Amino acid sequence: MKMSQEIQKQMLHQILARCWTDAAFKARLLADPVAVLQAEGVRVPAGVQLRVLENTAQVAYLVIPSRPADLSDQVLNDVVGGGDVIAPLASSPGRDPMKKHMAAIWMAKYFPNPWA
C-alpha cells in the first residue's frame, strides 16, 4: 500500500520534533538518514542519497530543488517574469495577476514550506 504524501509529511514533522528532544536520535539521523527514516517507516526511494543538515541561529540552508520535469521553459519563464515570487505586491502596477497566480501555484507545489 502506498503511503500518502500527507502521512509522510506528518511522519517527517514528528521525526524533526524528536530531533529537538533526543540528541542521540538526531546524531543517528545526521549520520545515516536513510536508515533512520526507513526504521521510522518513511519510504526513501532506492538509489536516493539523502543528506540531513541542521539550521542554526547563524547558518540556514536554502535547498534548490531539482528542476521539475513537467514544467516547460515557457512556464518557468512566465513564473520568473511574474515579478517577486516570494512576496508579490498585489497593487504593483504593470504586474499581470495571472503570472503572480502561476508563481504562487509553483511555489506551493515545489517549495511548500521554505522555512520549515
PDB file of N, CA and C in Angstrom:
ATOM      1  N   MET A   1       0.847  -1.188   0.000  1.00  0.00           N
ATOM      2  CA  MET A   1       0.000   0.000   0.000  1.00  0.00           C
ATOM      3  C   MET A   1       0.884   1.241   0.000  1.00  0.00           C
ATOM      4  N   LYS A   2       0.584   2.159  -0.861  1.00  0.00           N
ATOM      5  CA  LYS A   2       1.355   3.391  -0.998  1.00  0.00           C
ATOM      6  C   LYS A   2       0.925   4.398   0.070  1.00  0.00           C
ATOM      7  N   MET A   3       1.920   4.911   0.791  1.00  0.00           N
ATOM      8  CA  MET A   3       1.623   5.875   1.840  1.00  0.00           C
ATOM      9  C   MET A   3       1.380   7.248   1.229  1.00  0.00           C
ATOM     10  N   SER A   4       0.364   7.928   1.707  1.00  0.00           N
ATOM     11  CA  SER A   4       0.050   9.243   1.156  1.00  0.00           C
ATOM     12  C   SER A   4       1.137  10.252   1.518  1.00  0.00           C
ATOM     13  N   GLN A   5       1.246  11.279   0.692  1.00  0.00           N
ATOM     14  CA  GLN A   5       2.228  12.329   0.942  1.00  0.00           C
ATOM     15  C   GLN A   5       1.947  13.040   2.262  1.00  0.00           C
ATOM     16  N   GLU A   6       0.672  13.176   2.606  1.00  0.00           N
ATOM     17  CA  GLU A   6       0.317  13.854   3.852  1.00  0.00           C
ATOM     18  C   GLU A   6       0.796  13.049   5.064  1.00  0.00           C
ATOM     19  N   ILE A   7       0.652  11.741   5.007  1.00  0.00           N
ATOM     20  CA  ILE A   7       1.130  10.896   6.108  1.00  0.00           C
ATOM     21  C   ILE A   7       2.648  10.965   6.193  1.00  0.00           C
ATOM     22  N   GLN A   8       3.329  10.900   5.044  1.00  0.00           N
ATOM     23  CA  GLN A   8       4.786  11.013   5.020  1.00  0.00           C
ATOM     24  C   GLN A   8       5.217  12.346   5.624  1.00  0.00           C
ATOM     25  N   LYS A   9       4.546  13.421   5.243  1.00  0.00           N
ATOM     26  CA  LYS A   9       4.873  14.753   5.748  1.00  0.00           C
ATOM     27  C   LYS A   9       4.688  14.802   7.264  1.00  0.00           C
ATOM     28  N   GLN A  10       3.607  14.227   7.749  1.00  0.00           N
ATOM     29  CA  GLN A  10       3.330  14.182   9.183  1.00  0.00           C
ATOM     30  C   GLN A  10       4.418  13.402   9.923  1.00  0.00           C
ATOM     31  N   MET A  11       4.840  12.289   9.345  1.00  0.00           N
ATOM     32  CA  MET A  11       5.891  11.483   9.952  1.00  0.00           C
ATOM     33  C   MET A  11       7.203  12.264  10.014  1.00  0.00           C
ATOM     34  N   LEU A  12       7.526  12.981   8.945  1.00  0.00           N
ATOM     35  CA  LEU A  12       8.753  13.783   8.927  1.00  0.00           C
ATOM     36  C   LEU A  12       8.715  14.880   9.987  1.00  0.00           C
ATOM     37  N   HIS A  13       7.557  15.505  10.178  1.00  0.00           N
ATOM     38  CA  HIS A  13       7.434  16.530  11.212  1.00  0.00           C
ATOM     39  C   HIS A  13       7.679  15.920  12.590  1.00  0.00           C
ATOM     40  N   GLN A  14       7.170  14.719  12.831  1.00  0.00           N
ATOM     41  CA  GLN A  14       7.392  14.042  14.110  1.00  0.00           C
ATOM     42  C   GLN A  14       8.870  13.711  14.301  1.00  0.00           C
ATOM     43  N   ILE A  15       9.515  13.288  13.228  1.00  0.00           N
ATOM     44  CA  ILE A  15      10.950  12.967  13.297  1.00  0.00           C
ATOM     45  C   ILE A  15      11.752  14.226  13.617  1.00  0.00           C
ATOM     46  N   LEU A  16      11.417  15.341  12.969  1.00  0.00           N
ATOM     47  CA  LEU A  16      12.123  16.592  13.246  1.00  0.00           C
ATOM     48  C   LEU A  16      11.908  17.038  14.685  1.00  0.00           C
ATOM     49  N   ALA A  17      10.692  16.911  15.181  1.00  0.00           N
ATOM     50  CA  ALA A  17      10.421  17.286  16.572  1.00  0.00           C
ATOM     51  C   ALA A  17      11.211  16.386  17.528  1.00  0.00           C
ATOM     52  N   ARG A  18      11.327  15.120  17.199  1.00  0.00           N
ATOM     53  CA  ARG A  18      12.093  14.197  18.047  1.00  0.00           C
ATOM     54  C   ARG A  18      13.568  14.598  18.102  1.00  0.00           C
ATOM     55  N   CYS A  19      14.084  15.147  17.008  1.00  0.00           N
ATOM     56  CA  CYS A  19      15.480  15.614  16.990  1.00  0.00           C
ATOM     57  C   CYS A  19      15.722  16.681  18.048  1.00  0.00           C
ATOM     58  N   TRP A  20      14.706  17.484  18.345  1.00  0.00           N
ATOM     59  CA  TRP A  20      14.864  18.555  19.332  1.00  0.00           C
ATOM     60  C   TRP A  20      14.903  18.022  20.765  1.00  0.00           C
ATOM     61  N   THR A  21      14.400  16.815  20.972  1.00  0.00           N
ATOM     62  CA  THR A  21      14.336  16.281  22.335  1.00  0.00           C
ATOM     63  C   THR A  21      15.250  15.082  22.557  1.00  0.00           C
ATOM     64  N   ASP A  22      15.789  14.511  21.495  1.00  0.00           N
ATOM     65  CA  ASP A  22      16.590  13.285  21.602  1.00  0.00           C
ATOM     66  C   ASP A  22      17.889  13.454  20.810  1.00  0.00           C
ATOM     67  N   ALA A  23      18.938  13.862  21.521  1.00  0.00           N
ATOM     68  CA  ALA A  23      20.216  14.155  20.866  1.00  0.00           C
ATOM     69  C   ALA A  23      20.804  12.928  20.180  1.00  0.00           C
ATOM     70  N   ALA A  24      20.643  11.749  20.764  1.00  0.00           N
ATOM     71  CA  ALA A  24      21.182  10.523  20.159  1.00  0.00           C
ATOM     72  C   ALA A  24      20.449  10.209  18.853  1.00  0.00           C
ATOM     73  N   PHE A  25      19.139  10.391  18.853  1.00  0.00           N
ATOM     74  CA  PHE A  25      18.356  10.170  17.632  1.00  0.00           C
ATOM     75  C   PHE A  25      18.804  11.141  16.541  1.00  0.00           C
ATOM     76  N   LYS A  26      18.968  12.432  16.902  1.00  0.00           N
ATOM     77  CA  LYS A  26      19.398  13.432  15.933  1.00  0.00           C
ATOM     78  C   LYS A  26      20.773  13.081  15.369  1.00  0.00           C
ATOM     79  N   ALA A  27      21.675  12.619  16.215  1.00  0.00           N
ATOM     80  CA  ALA A  27      23.017  12.237  15.752  1.00  0.00           C
ATOM     81  C   ALA A  27      22.934  11.077  14.758  1.00  0.00           C
ATOM     82  N   ARG A  28      22.064  10.104  15.031  1.00  0.00           N
ATOM     83  CA  ARG A  28      21.894   8.973  14.094  1.00  0.00           C
ATOM     84  C   ARG A  28      21.298   9.454  12.779  1.00  0.00           C
ATOM     85  N   LEU A  29      20.332  10.366  12.848  1.00  0.00           N
ATOM     86  CA  LEU A  29      19.704  10.902  11.632  1.00  0.00           C
ATOM     87  C   LEU A  29      20.722  11.659  10.788  1.00  0.00           C
ATOM     88  N   LEU A  30      21.568  12.451  11.428  1.00  0.00           N
ATOM     89  CA  LEU A  30      22.597  13.186  10.703  1.00  0.00           C
ATOM     90  C   LEU A  30      23.620  12.237  10.081  1.00  0.00           C
ATOM     91  N   ALA A  31      23.929  11.146  10.782  1.00  0.00           N
ATOM     92  CA  ALA A  31      24.961  10.205  10.311  1.00  0.00           C
ATOM     93  C   ALA A  31      24.451   9.260   9.227  1.00  0.00           C
ATOM     94  N   ASP A  32      23.227   8.780   9.354  1.00  0.00           N
ATOM     95  CA  ASP A  32      22.690   7.789   8.415  1.00  0.00           C
ATOM     96  C   ASP A  32      21.197   8.028   8.196  1.00  0.00           C
ATOM     97  N   PRO A  33      20.854   9.092   7.469  1.00  0.00           N
ATOM     98  CA  PRO A  33      19.446   9.478   7.350  1.00  0.00           C
ATOM     99  C   PRO A  33      18.553   8.431   6.706  1.00  0.00           C
ATOM    100  N   VAL A  34      19.040   7.743   5.698  1.00  0.00           N
ATOM    101  CA  VAL A  34      18.188   6.757   5.018  1.00  0.00           C
ATOM    102  C   VAL A  34      17.793   5.642   5.984  1.00  0.00           C
ATOM    103  N   ALA A  35      18.758   5.103   6.710  1.00  0.00           N
ATOM    104  CA  ALA A  35      18.469   4.008   7.646  1.00  0.00           C
ATOM    105  C   ALA A  35      17.503   4.459   8.742  1.00  0.00           C
ATOM    106  N   VAL A  36      17.719   5.653   9.283  1.00  0.00           N
ATOM    107  CA  VAL A  36      16.849   6.146  10.356  1.00  0.00           C
ATOM    108  C   VAL A  36      15.443   6.390   9.833  1.00  0.00           C
ATOM    109  N   LEU A  37      15.318   7.029   8.685  1.00  0.00           N
ATOM    110  CA  LEU A  37      13.986   7.293   8.134  1.00  0.00           C
ATOM    111  C   LEU A  37      13.247   5.998   7.824  1.00  0.00           C
ATOM    112  N   GLN A  38      13.948   5.046   7.221  1.00  0.00           N
ATOM    113  CA  GLN A  38      13.303   3.771   6.917  1.00  0.00           C
ATOM    114  C   GLN A  38      12.877   3.052   8.199  1.00  0.00           C
ATOM    115  N   ALA A  39      13.708   3.124   9.234  1.00  0.00           N
ATOM    116  CA  ALA A  39      13.356   2.498  10.515  1.00  0.00           C
ATOM    117  C   ALA A  39      12.124   3.153  11.131  1.00  0.00           C
ATOM    118  N   GLU A  40      11.910   4.418  10.816  1.00  0.00           N
ATOM    119  CA  GLU A  40      10.751   5.146  11.331  1.00  0.00           C
ATOM    120  C   GLU A  40       9.526   4.999  10.427  1.00  0.00           C
ATOM    121  N   GLY A  41       9.666   4.241   9.332  1.00  0.00           N
ATOM    122  CA  GLY A  41       8.540   3.998   8.444  1.00  0.00           C
ATOM    123  C   GLY A  41       8.402   4.963   7.285  1.00  0.00           C
ATOM    124  N   VAL A  42       9.395   5.808   7.079  1.00  0.00           N
ATOM    125  CA  VAL A  42       9.355   6.760   5.968  1.00  0.00           C
ATOM    126  C   VAL A  42      10.005   6.107   4.755  1.00  0.00           C
ATOM    127  N   ARG A  43       9.303   6.113   3.636  1.00  0.00           N
ATOM    128  CA  ARG A  43       9.811   5.497   2.417  1.00  0.00           C
ATOM    129  C   ARG A  43      10.846   6.412   1.779  1.00  0.00           C
ATOM    130  N   VAL A  44      12.017   5.832   1.523  1.00  0.00           N
ATOM    131  CA  VAL A  44      13.073   6.534   0.789  1.00  0.00           C
ATOM    132  C   VAL A  44      13.315   5.715  -0.475  1.00  0.00           C
ATOM    133  N   PRO A  45      13.099   6.292  -1.642  1.00  0.00           N
ATOM    134  CA  PRO A  45      13.263   5.531  -2.887  1.00  0.00           C
ATOM    135  C   PRO A  45      14.670   4.937  -3.013  1.00  0.00           C
ATOM    136  N   ALA A  46      14.741   3.740  -3.554  1.00  0.00           N
ATOM    137  CA  ALA A  46      16.024   3.063  -3.750  1.00  0.00           C
ATOM    138  C   ALA A  46      16.931   3.928  -4.608  1.00  0.00           C
ATOM    139  N   GLY A  47      18.192   3.977  -4.234  1.00  0.00           N
ATOM    140  CA  GLY A  47      19.172   4.721  -5.005  1.00  0.00           C
ATOM    141  C   GLY A  47      19.247   6.203  -4.700  1.00  0.00           C
ATOM    142  N   VAL A  48      18.375   6.696  -3.826  1.00  0.00           N
ATOM    143  CA  VAL A  48      18.381   8.113  -3.487  1.00  0.00           C
ATOM    144  C   VAL A  48      19.361   8.351  -2.343  1.00  0.00           C
ATOM    145  N   GLN A  49      20.278   9.284  -2.549  1.00  0.00           N
ATOM    146  CA  GLN A  49      21.171   9.713  -1.481  1.00  0.00           C
ATOM    147  C   GLN A  49      20.464  10.828  -0.728  1.00  0.00           C
ATOM    148  N   LEU A  50      20.602  10.815   0.568  1.00  0.00           N
ATOM    149  CA  LEU A  50      19.922  11.812   1.381  1.00  0.00           C
ATOM    150  C   LEU A  50      20.921  12.424   2.348  1.00  0.00           C
ATOM    151  N   ARG A  51      20.959  13.742   2.384  1.00  0.00           N
ATOM    152  CA  ARG A  51      21.821  14.454   3.325  1.00  0.00           C
ATOM    153  C   ARG A  51      20.935  15.275   4.245  1.00  0.00           C
ATOM    154  N   VAL A  52      21.213  15.205   5.522  1.00  0.00           N
ATOM    155  CA  VAL A  52      20.466  15.977   6.507  1.00  0.00           C
ATOM    156  C   VAL A  52      21.392  17.068   7.030  1.00  0.00           C
ATOM    157  N   LEU A  53      20.908  18.288   7.007  1.00  0.00           N
ATOM    158  CA  LEU A  53      21.655  19.436   7.502  1.00  0.00           C
ATOM    159  C   LEU A  53      20.844  20.074   8.620  1.00  0.00           C
ATOM    160  N   GLU A  54      21.528  20.688   9.544  1.00  0.00           N
ATOM    161  CA  GLU A  54      20.838  21.336  10.658  1.00  0.00           C
ATOM    162  C   GLU A  54      21.023  22.843  10.583  1.00  0.00           C
ATOM    163  N   ASN A  55      19.907  23.576  10.520  1.00  0.00           N
ATOM    164  CA  ASN A  55      19.962  25.023  10.601  1.00  0.00           C
ATOM    165  C   ASN A  55      20.331  25.423  12.024  1.00  0.00           C
ATOM    166  N   THR A  56      21.041  26.525  12.141  1.00  0.00           N
ATOM    167  CA  THR A  56      21.350  27.093  13.449  1.00  0.00           C
ATOM    168  C   THR A  56      20.914  28.552  13.427  1.00  0.00           C
ATOM    169  N   ALA A  57      21.125  29.241  14.531  1.00  0.00           N
ATOM    170  CA  ALA A  57      20.791  30.661  14.572  1.00  0.00           C
ATOM    171  C   ALA A  57      21.677  31.459  13.613  1.00  0.00           C
ATOM    172  N   GLN A  58      22.879  30.952  13.341  1.00  0.00           N
ATOM    173  CA  GLN A  58      23.821  31.670  12.490  1.00  0.00           C
ATOM    174  C   GLN A  58      23.882  31.156  11.055  1.00  0.00           C
ATOM    175  N   VAL A  59      23.448  29.920  10.823  1.00  0.00           N
ATOM    176  CA  VAL A  59      23.557  29.312   9.498  1.00  0.00           C
ATOM    177  C   VAL A  59      22.217  28.679   9.125  1.00  0.00           C
ATOM    178  N   ALA A  60      21.697  29.060   7.966  1.00  0.00           N
ATOM    179  CA  ALA A  60      20.469  28.455   7.452  1.00  0.00           C
ATOM    180  C   ALA A  60      20.740  27.973   6.031  1.00  0.00           C
ATOM    181  N   TYR A  61      20.176  26.848   5.691  1.00  0.00           N
ATOM    182  CA  TYR A  61      20.380  26.262   4.374  1.00  0.00           C
ATOM    183  C   TYR A  61      19.149  26.501   3.518  1.00  0.00           C
ATOM    184  N   LEU A  62      19.390  26.915   2.295  1.00  0.00           N
ATOM    185  CA  LEU A  62      18.341  27.056   1.297  1.00  0.00           C
ATOM    186  C   LEU A  62      18.587  25.969   0.272  1.00  0.00           C
ATOM    187  N   VAL A  63      17.638  25.072   0.117  1.00  0.00           N
ATOM    188  CA  VAL A  63      17.790  23.958  -0.806  1.00  0.00           C
ATOM    189  C   VAL A  63      17.166  24.343  -2.141  1.00  0.00           C
ATOM    190  N   ILE A  64      17.938  24.185  -3.187  1.00  0.00           N
ATOM    191  CA  ILE A  64      17.433  24.439  -4.533  1.00  0.00           C
ATOM    192  C   ILE A  64      16.890  23.116  -5.059  1.00  0.00           C
ATOM    193  N   PRO A  65      15.576  23.008  -5.206  1.00  0.00           N
ATOM    194  CA  PRO A  65      15.020  21.746  -5.693  1.00  0.00           C
ATOM    195  C   PRO A  65      15.449  21.482  -7.130  1.00  0.00           C
ATOM    196  N   SER A  66      15.466  20.217  -7.506  1.00  0.00           N
ATOM    197  CA  SER A  66      15.765  19.901  -8.898  1.00  0.00           C
ATOM    198  C   SER A  66      14.642  20.457  -9.766  1.00  0.00           C
ATOM    199  N   ARG A  67      14.996  20.773 -10.985  1.00  0.00           N
ATOM    200  CA  ARG A  67      14.008  21.348 -11.895  1.00  0.00           C
ATOM    201  C   ARG A  67      12.924  20.319 -12.172  1.00  0.00           C
ATOM    202  N   PRO A  68      11.668  20.688 -11.979  1.00  0.00           N
ATOM    203  CA  PRO A  68      10.570  19.767 -12.266  1.00  0.00           C
ATOM    204  C   PRO A  68      10.517  19.450 -13.766  1.00  0.00           C
ATOM    205  N   ALA A  69      10.488  18.181 -14.084  1.00  0.00           N
ATOM    206  CA  ALA A  69      10.489  17.741 -15.485  1.00  0.00           C
ATOM    207  C   ALA A  69       9.218  18.155 -16.216  1.00  0.00           C
ATOM    208  N   ASP A  70       8.125  18.330 -15.468  1.00  0.00           N
ATOM    209  CA  ASP A  70       6.850  18.623 -16.120  1.00  0.00           C
ATOM    210  C   ASP A  70       6.616  20.118 -16.370  1.00  0.00           C
ATOM    211  N   LEU A  71       7.606  20.959 -16.069  1.00  0.00           N
ATOM    212  CA  LEU A  71       7.458  22.387 -16.338  1.00  0.00           C
ATOM    213  C   LEU A  71       8.302  22.785 -17.544  1.00  0.00           C
ATOM    214  N   SER A  72       7.650  23.345 -18.525  1.00  0.00           N
ATOM    215  CA  SER A  72       8.340  23.759 -19.745  1.00  0.00           C
ATOM    216  C   SER A  72       9.120  25.047 -19.494  1.00  0.00           C
ATOM    217  N   ASP A  73      10.031  25.351 -20.418  1.00  0.00           N
ATOM    218  CA  ASP A  73      10.762  26.614 -20.343  1.00  0.00           C
ATOM    219  C   ASP A  73       9.792  27.794 -20.334  1.00  0.00           C
ATOM    220  N   GLN A  74       8.740  27.706 -21.128  1.00  0.00           N
ATOM    221  CA  GLN A  74       7.773  28.806 -21.204  1.00  0.00           C
ATOM    222  C   GLN A  74       7.095  29.030 -19.856  1.00  0.00           C
ATOM    223  N   VAL A  75       6.681  27.947 -19.201  1.00  0.00           N
ATOM    224  CA  VAL A  75       6.030  28.090 -17.892  1.00  0.00           C
ATOM    225  C   VAL A  75       7.006  28.689 -16.892  1.00  0.00           C
ATOM    226  N   LEU A  76       8.241  28.193 -16.881  1.00  0.00           N
ATOM    227  CA  LEU A  76       9.235  28.739 -15.958  1.00  0.00           C
ATOM    228  C   LEU A  76       9.518  30.206 -16.257  1.00  0.00           C
ATOM    229  N   ASN A  77       9.592  30.573 -17.535  1.00  0.00           N
ATOM    230  CA  ASN A  77       9.783  31.980 -17.896  1.00  0.00           C
ATOM    231  C   ASN A  77       8.613  32.831 -17.426  1.00  0.00           C
ATOM    232  N   ASP A  78       7.398  32.286 -17.531  1.00  0.00           N
ATOM    233  CA  ASP A  78       6.223  33.013 -17.057  1.00  0.00           C
ATOM    234  C   ASP A  78       6.299  33.230 -15.548  1.00  0.00           C
ATOM    235  N   VAL A  79       6.776  32.221 -14.823  1.00  0.00           N
ATOM    236  CA  VAL A  79       6.905  32.347 -13.375  1.00  0.00           C
ATOM    237  C   VAL A  79       7.952  33.401 -13.039  1.00  0.00           C
ATOM    238  N   VAL A  80       9.099  33.317 -13.676  1.00  0.00           N
ATOM    239  CA  VAL A  80      10.173  34.275 -13.418  1.00  0.00           C
ATOM    240  C   VAL A  80       9.726  35.677 -13.806  1.00  0.00           C
ATOM    241  N   GLY A  81       9.013  35.792 -14.888  1.00  0.00           N
ATOM    242  CA  GLY A  81       8.547  37.101 -15.346  1.00  0.00           C
ATOM    243  C   GLY A  81       7.384  37.639 -14.551  1.00  0.00           C
ATOM    244  N   GLY A  82       6.877  36.851 -13.609  1.00  0.00           N
ATOM    245  CA  GLY A  82       5.704  37.256 -12.832  1.00  0.00           C
ATOM    246  C   GLY A  82       6.007  38.217 -11.712  1.00  0.00           C
ATOM    247  N   GLY A  83       7.250  38.628 -11.561  1.00  0.00           N
ATOM    248  CA  GLY A  83       7.581  39.577 -10.504  1.00  0.00           C
ATOM    249  C   GLY A  83       8.200  38.864  -9.318  1.00  0.00           C
ATOM    250  N   ASP A  84       8.085  39.460  -8.168  1.00  0.00           N
ATOM    251  CA  ASP A  84       8.670  38.941  -6.939  1.00  0.00           C
ATOM    252  C   ASP A  84       7.849  37.745  -6.469  1.00  0.00           C
ATOM    253  N   VAL A  85       8.371  36.530  -6.674  1.00  0.00           N
ATOM    254  CA  VAL A  85       7.626  35.304  -6.375  1.00  0.00           C
ATOM    255  C   VAL A  85       7.413  35.132  -4.881  1.00  0.00           C
ATOM    256  N   ILE A  86       8.391  35.500  -4.071  1.00  0.00           N
ATOM    257  CA  ILE A  86       8.290  35.260  -2.640  1.00  0.00           C
ATOM    258  C   ILE A  86       7.304  36.204  -1.981  1.00  0.00           C
ATOM    259  N   ALA A  87       7.289  37.461  -2.366  1.00  0.00           N
ATOM    260  CA  ALA A  87       6.380  38.424  -1.740  1.00  0.00           C
ATOM    261  C   ALA A  87       5.793  39.363  -2.787  1.00  0.00           C
ATOM    262  N   PRO A  88       4.924  38.836  -3.668  1.00  0.00           N
ATOM    263  CA  PRO A  88       4.364  39.706  -4.702  1.00  0.00           C
ATOM    264  C   PRO A  88       3.481  40.790  -4.095  1.00  0.00           C
ATOM    265  N   LEU A  89       3.542  41.951  -4.681  1.00  0.00           N
ATOM    266  CA  LEU A  89       2.702  43.052  -4.220  1.00  0.00           C
ATOM    267  C   LEU A  89       1.439  43.088  -5.060  1.00  0.00           C
ATOM    268  N   ALA A  90       0.322  42.933  -4.405  1.00  0.00           N
ATOM    269  CA  ALA A  90      -0.958  42.873  -5.123  1.00  0.00           C
ATOM    270  C   ALA A  90      -1.235  44.150  -5.890  1.00  0.00           C
ATOM    271  N   SER A  91      -0.739  45.269  -5.378  1.00  0.00           N
ATOM    272  CA  SER A  91      -1.060  46.542  -6.025  1.00  0.00           C
ATOM    273  C   SER A  91       0.025  47.019  -6.981  1.00  0.00           C
ATOM    274  N   SER A  92       1.022  46.187  -7.274  1.00  0.00           N
ATOM    275  CA  SER A  92       2.099  46.615  -8.162  1.00  0.00           C
ATOM    276  C   SER A  92       1.565  46.914  -9.545  1.00  0.00           C
ATOM    277  N   PRO A  93       1.779  48.128 -10.039  1.00  0.00           N
ATOM    278  CA  PRO A  93       1.292  48.457 -11.381  1.00  0.00           C
ATOM    279  C   PRO A  93       2.069  47.675 -12.433  1.00  0.00           C
ATOM    280  N   GLY A  94       1.360  47.249 -13.463  1.00  0.00           N
ATOM    281  CA  GLY A  94       2.009  46.561 -14.566  1.00  0.00           C
ATOM    282  C   GLY A  94       2.249  45.082 -14.334  1.00  0.00           C
ATOM    283  N   ARG A  95       1.883  44.561 -13.194  1.00  0.00           N
ATOM    284  CA  ARG A  95       2.081  43.129 -12.924  1.00  0.00           C
ATOM    285  C   ARG A  95       0.838  42.369 -13.364  1.00  0.00           C
ATOM    286  N   ASP A  96       1.033  41.339 -14.149  1.00  0.00           N
ATOM    287  CA  ASP A  96      -0.070  40.514 -14.623  1.00  0.00           C
ATOM    288  C   ASP A  96      -0.536  39.619 -13.479  1.00  0.00           C
ATOM    289  N   PRO A  97      -1.794  39.744 -13.035  1.00  0.00           N
ATOM    290  CA  PRO A  97      -2.276  38.916 -11.925  1.00  0.00           C
ATOM    291  C   PRO A  97      -2.166  37.415 -12.213  1.00  0.00           C
ATOM    292  N   MET A  98      -2.298  36.999 -13.473  1.00  0.00           N
ATOM    293  CA  MET A  98      -2.190  35.576 -13.803  1.00  0.00           C
ATOM    294  C   MET A  98      -0.771  35.078 -13.560  1.00  0.00           C
ATOM    295  N   LYS A  99       0.225  35.893 -13.890  1.00  0.00           N
ATOM    296  CA  LYS A  99       1.609  35.489 -13.654  1.00  0.00           C
ATOM    297  C   LYS A  99       1.865  35.331 -12.157  1.00  0.00           C
ATOM    298  N   LYS A 100       1.338  36.244 -11.353  1.00  0.00           N
ATOM    299  CA  LYS A 100       1.503  36.126  -9.902  1.00  0.00           C
ATOM    300  C   LYS A 100       0.804  34.866  -9.399  1.00  0.00           C
ATOM    301  N   HIS A 101      -0.365  34.584  -9.960  1.00  0.00           N
ATOM    302  CA  HIS A 101      -1.100  33.381  -9.570  1.00  0.00           C
ATOM    303  C   HIS A 101      -0.296  32.127  -9.922  1.00  0.00           C
ATOM    304  N   MET A 102       0.280  32.090 -11.114  1.00  0.00           N
ATOM    305  CA  MET A 102       1.095  30.942 -11.532  1.00  0.00           C
ATOM    306  C   MET A 102       2.314  30.802 -10.627  1.00  0.00           C
ATOM    307  N   ALA A 103       2.925  31.918 -10.268  1.00  0.00           N
ATOM    308  CA  ALA A 103       4.085  31.878  -9.380  1.00  0.00           C
ATOM    309  C   ALA A 103       3.692  31.310  -8.026  1.00  0.00           C
ATOM    310  N   ALA A 104       2.543  31.708  -7.517  1.00  0.00           N
ATOM    311  CA  ALA A 104       2.083  31.192  -6.225  1.00  0.00           C
ATOM    312  C   ALA A 104       1.815  29.695  -6.295  1.00  0.00           C
ATOM    313  N   ILE A 105       1.217  29.236  -7.387  1.00  0.00           N
ATOM    314  CA  ILE A 105       0.966  27.800  -7.558  1.00  0.00           C
ATOM    315  C   ILE A 105       2.284  27.045  -7.621  1.00  0.00           C
ATOM    316  N   TRP A 106       3.232  27.557  -8.375  1.00  0.00           N
ATOM    317  CA  TRP A 106       4.528  26.904  -8.499  1.00  0.00           C
ATOM    318  C   TRP A 106       5.221  26.831  -7.147  1.00  0.00           C
ATOM    319  N   MET A 107       5.217  27.923  -6.403  1.00  0.00           N
ATOM    320  CA  MET A 107       5.861  27.942  -5.089  1.00  0.00           C
ATOM    321  C   MET A 107       5.193  26.941  -4.148  1.00  0.00           C
ATOM    322  N   ALA A 108       3.873  26.889  -4.157  1.00  0.00           N
ATOM    323  CA  ALA A 108       3.169  25.967  -3.261  1.00  0.00           C
ATOM    324  C   ALA A 108       3.459  24.513  -3.620  1.00  0.00           C
ATOM    325  N   LYS A 109       3.584  24.231  -4.906  1.00  0.00           N
ATOM    326  CA  LYS A 109       3.804  22.848  -5.334  1.00  0.00           C
ATOM    327  C   LYS A 109       5.238  22.396  -5.111  1.00  0.00           C
ATOM    328  N   TYR A 110       6.206  23.250  -5.431  1.00  0.00           N
ATOM    329  CA  TYR A 110       7.596  22.816  -5.432  1.00  0.00           C
ATOM    330  C   TYR A 110       8.426  23.367  -4.274  1.00  0.00           C
ATOM    331  N   PHE A 111       7.866  24.272  -3.493  1.00  0.00           N
ATOM    332  CA  PHE A 111       8.605  24.840  -2.372  1.00  0.00           C
ATOM    333  C   PHE A 111       7.584  25.177  -1.279  1.00  0.00           C
ATOM    334  N   PRO A 112       6.854  24.132  -0.781  1.00  0.00           N
ATOM    335  CA  PRO A 112       5.698  24.364   0.039  1.00  0.00           C
ATOM    336  C   PRO A 112       5.948  25.013   1.403  1.00  0.00           C
ATOM    337  N   ASN A 113       7.089  24.758   2.005  1.00  0.00           N
ATOM    338  CA  ASN A 113       7.335  25.311   3.336  1.00  0.00           C
ATOM    339  C   ASN A 113       8.801  25.698   3.434  1.00  0.00           C
ATOM    340  N   PRO A 114       9.187  26.829   2.855  1.00  0.00           N
ATOM    341  CA  PRO A 114      10.603  27.155   2.742  1.00  0.00           C
ATOM    342  C   PRO A 114      11.323  27.360   4.059  1.00  0.00           C
ATOM    343  N   TRP A 115      10.606  27.674   5.121  1.00  0.00           N
ATOM    344  CA  TRP A 115      11.291  27.977   6.382  1.00  0.00           C
ATOM    345  C   TRP A 115      11.056  26.913   7.427  1.00  0.00           C
ATOM    346  N   ALA A 116      10.631  25.719   7.008  1.00  0.00           N
ATOM    347  CA  ALA A 116      10.402  24.619   7.970  1.00  0.00           C
ATOM    348  C   ALA A 116      11.705  24.127   8.526  1.00  0.00           C
TER     349      ALA A 116
END
